[in-house]
Amino acid sequence: METRLKTWVWVQAFLRQLEADGYMAALLSRGDDDAGAVLVKVNRFTDGCRVYTQVRTELGELAWLAGTGSDLVPESDADSYIGRQRKYDADIWVIEVEDPKGTYGIDGVVLED
């Protein structure tokens, strides 16, 4: 059986790694400490945003789903998506990564819709 990190530990490590890599990031919403879902909003400002939802594969491995689709969307659409997800699950963690140069790539497998 795989030992899973508590979500708050994973989020803190993720934020520290972003900082070490030179990205500005903010925790927009704190979720359940033990098992809250994680959304990552990558904000490319005038180019748009993408929101990734943390999921598990059939094998239980961490992966990402592009919740707002494969194309960048306006920030208002990204925020609407996050708002809808929070209505379903108030325990979601939301992290925003500022990426004006378009250099950030989410670490891990990104699943297709």
C-alpha atoms as a PDB file:
ATOM      1  CA  MET A   1       0.000   0.000   0.000  1.00  0.00           C
ATOM      2  CA  GLU A   2       1.309   3.434  -0.980  1.00  0.00           C
ATOM      3  CA  THR A   3       1.776   5.942   1.819  1.00  0.00           C
ATOM      4  CA  ARG A   4       0.179   9.203   0.741  1.00  0.00           C
ATOM      5  CA  LEU A   5       1.238  12.610   1.934  1.00  0.00           C
ATOM      6  CA  LYS A   6      -1.330  14.716   3.683  1.00  0.00           C
ATOM      7  CA  THR A   7      -2.492  17.414   1.299  1.00  0.00           C
ATOM      8  CA  TRP A   8      -1.183  20.300   3.393  1.00  0.00           C
ATOM      9  CA  VAL A   9       2.328  18.766   3.309  1.00  0.00           C
ATOM     10  CA  TRP A  10       2.139  18.296  -0.476  1.00  0.00           C
ATOM     11  CA  VAL A  11       0.920  21.890  -0.974  1.00  0.00           C
ATOM     12  CA  GLN A  12       3.706  23.368   1.170  1.00  0.00           C
ATOM     13  CA  ALA A  13       6.336  21.387  -0.761  1.00  0.00           C
ATOM     14  CA  PHE A  14       4.758  22.433  -4.082  1.00  0.00           C
ATOM     15  CA  LEU A  15       4.802  26.117  -3.101  1.00  0.00           C
ATOM     16  CA  ARG A  16       8.433  25.900  -1.945  1.00  0.00           C
ATOM     17  CA  GLN A  17       9.450  24.231  -5.214  1.00  0.00           C
ATOM     18  CA  LEU A  18       7.717  26.952  -7.221  1.00  0.00           C
ATOM     19  CA  GLU A  19       9.570  29.601  -5.231  1.00  0.00           C
ATOM     20  CA  ALA A  20      12.888  27.776  -5.722  1.00  0.00           C
ATOM     21  CA  ASP A  21      12.185  27.653  -9.471  1.00  0.00           C
ATOM     22  CA  GLY A  22      11.623  31.427  -9.515  1.00  0.00           C
ATOM     23  CA  TYR A  23       7.826  31.511  -9.869  1.00  0.00           C
ATOM     24  CA  MET A  24       5.492  33.698  -7.864  1.00  0.00           C
ATOM     25  CA  ALA A  25       2.686  31.636  -6.399  1.00  0.00           C
ATOM     26  CA  ALA A  26      -0.092  32.168  -3.914  1.00  0.00           C
ATOM     27  CA  LEU A  27      -2.375  29.934  -1.935  1.00  0.00           C
ATOM     28  CA  LEU A  28      -5.825  31.275  -2.817  1.00  0.00           C
ATOM     29  CA  SER A  29      -7.850  28.765  -0.838  1.00  0.00           C
ATOM     30  CA  ARG A  30      -6.980  26.276   1.881  1.00  0.00           C
ATOM     31  CA  GLY A  31      -8.797  22.974   1.777  1.00  0.00           C
ATOM     32  CA  ASP A  32      -8.936  19.852   3.914  1.00  0.00           C
ATOM     33  CA  ASP A  33      -5.530  19.255   5.512  1.00  0.00           C
ATOM     34  CA  ASP A  34      -5.590  15.502   5.052  1.00  0.00           C
ATOM     35  CA  ALA A  35      -7.209  14.754   1.722  1.00  0.00           C
ATOM     36  CA  GLY A  36      -8.411  17.917   0.003  1.00  0.00           C
ATOM     37  CA  ALA A  37      -8.315  18.093  -3.778  1.00  0.00           C
ATOM     38  CA  VAL A  38      -5.872  20.538  -5.393  1.00  0.00           C
ATOM     39  CA  LEU A  39      -6.463  22.981  -8.244  1.00  0.00           C
ATOM     40  CA  VAL A  40      -3.569  24.888  -9.808  1.00  0.00           C
ATOM     41  CA  LYS A  41      -4.384  28.031 -11.778  1.00  0.00           C
ATOM     42  CA  VAL A  42      -1.545  28.966 -14.111  1.00  0.00           C
ATOM     43  CA  ASN A  43      -1.961  32.651 -14.929  1.00  0.00           C
ATOM     44  CA  ARG A  44      -0.216  33.854 -18.088  1.00  0.00           C
ATOM     45  CA  PHE A  45      -1.940  37.238 -17.732  1.00  0.00           C
ATOM     46  CA  THR A  46      -2.761  38.698 -21.181  1.00  0.00           C
ATOM     47  CA  ASP A  47      -2.344  35.276 -22.828  1.00  0.00           C
ATOM     48  CA  GLY A  48      -4.925  33.690 -20.485  1.00  0.00           C
ATOM     49  CA  CYS A  49      -5.058  30.980 -17.850  1.00  0.00           C
ATOM     50  CA  ARG A  50      -5.292  27.247 -17.477  1.00  0.00           C
ATOM     51  CA  VAL A  51      -6.585  25.405 -14.417  1.00  0.00           C
ATOM     52  CA  TYR A  52      -5.286  21.944 -13.594  1.00  0.00           C
ATOM     53  CA  THR A  53      -7.133  19.551 -11.308  1.00  0.00           C
ATOM     54  CA  GLN A  54      -5.126  16.999  -9.363  1.00  0.00           C
ATOM     55  CA  VAL A  55      -6.457  13.488  -9.937  1.00  0.00           C
ATOM     56  CA  ARG A  56      -5.326   9.906  -9.471  1.00  0.00           C
ATOM     57  CA  THR A  57      -4.828   7.419 -12.283  1.00  0.00           C
ATOM     58  CA  GLU A  58      -6.285   3.901 -12.273  1.00  0.00           C
ATOM     59  CA  LEU A  59      -3.037   2.833 -10.576  1.00  0.00           C
ATOM     60  CA  GLY A  60      -3.397   5.466  -7.857  1.00  0.00           C
ATOM     61  CA  GLU A  61      -0.618   7.711  -9.170  1.00  0.00           C
ATOM     62  CA  LEU A  62      -0.907  11.498  -9.091  1.00  0.00           C
ATOM     63  CA  ALA A  63      -1.780  13.127 -12.398  1.00  0.00           C
ATOM     64  CA  TRP A  64      -3.366  16.332 -13.662  1.00  0.00           C
ATOM     65  CA  LEU A  65      -6.442  17.043 -15.724  1.00  0.00           C
ATOM     66  CA  ALA A  66      -6.683  20.352 -17.599  1.00  0.00           C
ATOM     67  CA  GLY A  67     -10.014  21.377 -16.106  1.00  0.00           C
ATOM     68  CA  THR A  68     -10.412  24.371 -18.406  1.00  0.00           C
ATOM     69  CA  GLY A  69      -9.363  22.420 -21.489  1.00  0.00           C
ATOM     70  CA  SER A  70      -6.179  22.277 -23.507  1.00  0.00           C
ATOM     71  CA  ASP A  71      -6.313  25.934 -24.603  1.00  0.00           C
ATOM     72  CA  LEU A  72      -5.730  29.014 -22.478  1.00  0.00           C
ATOM     73  CA  VAL A  73      -8.918  30.739 -21.336  1.00  0.00           C
ATOM     74  CA  PRO A  74      -9.640  34.268 -20.050  1.00  0.00           C
ATOM     75  CA  GLU A  75      -8.992  34.684 -16.330  1.00  0.00           C
ATOM     76  CA  SER A  76     -12.719  35.206 -15.708  1.00  0.00           C
ATOM     77  CA  ASP A  77     -13.416  31.741 -17.202  1.00  0.00           C
ATOM     78  CA  ALA A  78     -10.697  30.181 -15.053  1.00  0.00           C
ATOM     79  CA  ASP A  79     -12.112  31.841 -11.935  1.00  0.00           C
ATOM     80  CA  SER A  80     -15.634  30.691 -12.854  1.00  0.00           C
ATOM     81  CA  TYR A  81     -14.385  27.119 -13.197  1.00  0.00           C
ATOM     82  CA  ILE A  82     -12.718  27.321  -9.778  1.00  0.00           C
ATOM     83  CA  GLY A  83     -15.903  28.780  -8.271  1.00  0.00           C
ATOM     84  CA  ARG A  84     -18.013  25.932  -9.679  1.00  0.00           C
ATOM     85  CA  GLN A  85     -15.606  23.345  -8.301  1.00  0.00           C
ATOM     86  CA  ARG A  86     -15.679  24.992  -4.865  1.00  0.00           C
ATOM     87  CA  LYS A  87     -19.498  24.765  -4.864  1.00  0.00           C
ATOM     88  CA  TYR A  88     -19.172  20.988  -5.235  1.00  0.00           C
ATOM     89  CA  ASP A  89     -16.307  20.622  -2.782  1.00  0.00           C
ATOM     90  CA  ALA A  90     -15.518  23.311  -0.204  1.00  0.00           C
ATOM     91  CA  ASP A  91     -12.354  21.419   0.822  1.00  0.00           C
ATOM     92  CA  ILE A  92     -10.443  22.213  -2.389  1.00  0.00           C
ATOM     93  CA  TRP A  93      -7.020  23.804  -2.220  1.00  0.00           C
ATOM     94  CA  VAL A  94      -6.426  26.471  -4.884  1.00  0.00           C
ATOM     95  CA  ILE A  95      -2.947  27.630  -5.864  1.00  0.00           C
ATOM     96  CA  GLU A  96      -2.219  30.348  -8.427  1.00  0.00           C
ATOM     97  CA  VAL A  97       1.088  30.352 -10.310  1.00  0.00           C
ATOM     98  CA  GLU A  98       2.049  33.591 -12.052  1.00  0.00           C
ATOM     99  CA  ASP A  99       3.677  32.763 -15.388  1.00  0.00           C
ATOM    100  CA  PRO A 100       3.833  35.895 -17.584  1.00  0.00           C
ATOM    101  CA  LYS A 101       6.615  34.430 -19.763  1.00  0.00           C
ATOM    102  CA  GLY A 102       4.777  31.148 -20.423  1.00  0.00           C
ATOM    103  CA  THR A 103       7.625  28.982 -19.175  1.00  0.00           C
ATOM    104  CA  TYR A 104       5.882  26.995 -16.434  1.00  0.00           C
ATOM    105  CA  GLY A 105       4.860  23.425 -17.094  1.00  0.00           C
ATOM    106  CA  ILE A 106       2.942  21.490 -14.482  1.00  0.00           C
ATOM    107  CA  ASP A 107       5.069  18.666 -13.108  1.00  0.00           C
ATOM    108  CA  GLY A 108       3.640  15.255 -13.828  1.00  0.00           C
ATOM    109  CA  VAL A 109       1.322  13.482 -16.208  1.00  0.00           C
ATOM    110  CA  VAL A 110      -1.466  15.552 -17.764  1.00  0.00           C
ATOM    111  CA  LEU A 111      -4.442  13.436 -18.777  1.00  0.00           C
ATOM    112  CA  GLU A 112      -6.639  14.205 -21.750  1.00  0.00           C
ATOM    113  CA  ASP A 113     -10.343  14.971 -21.162  1.00  0.00           C
END
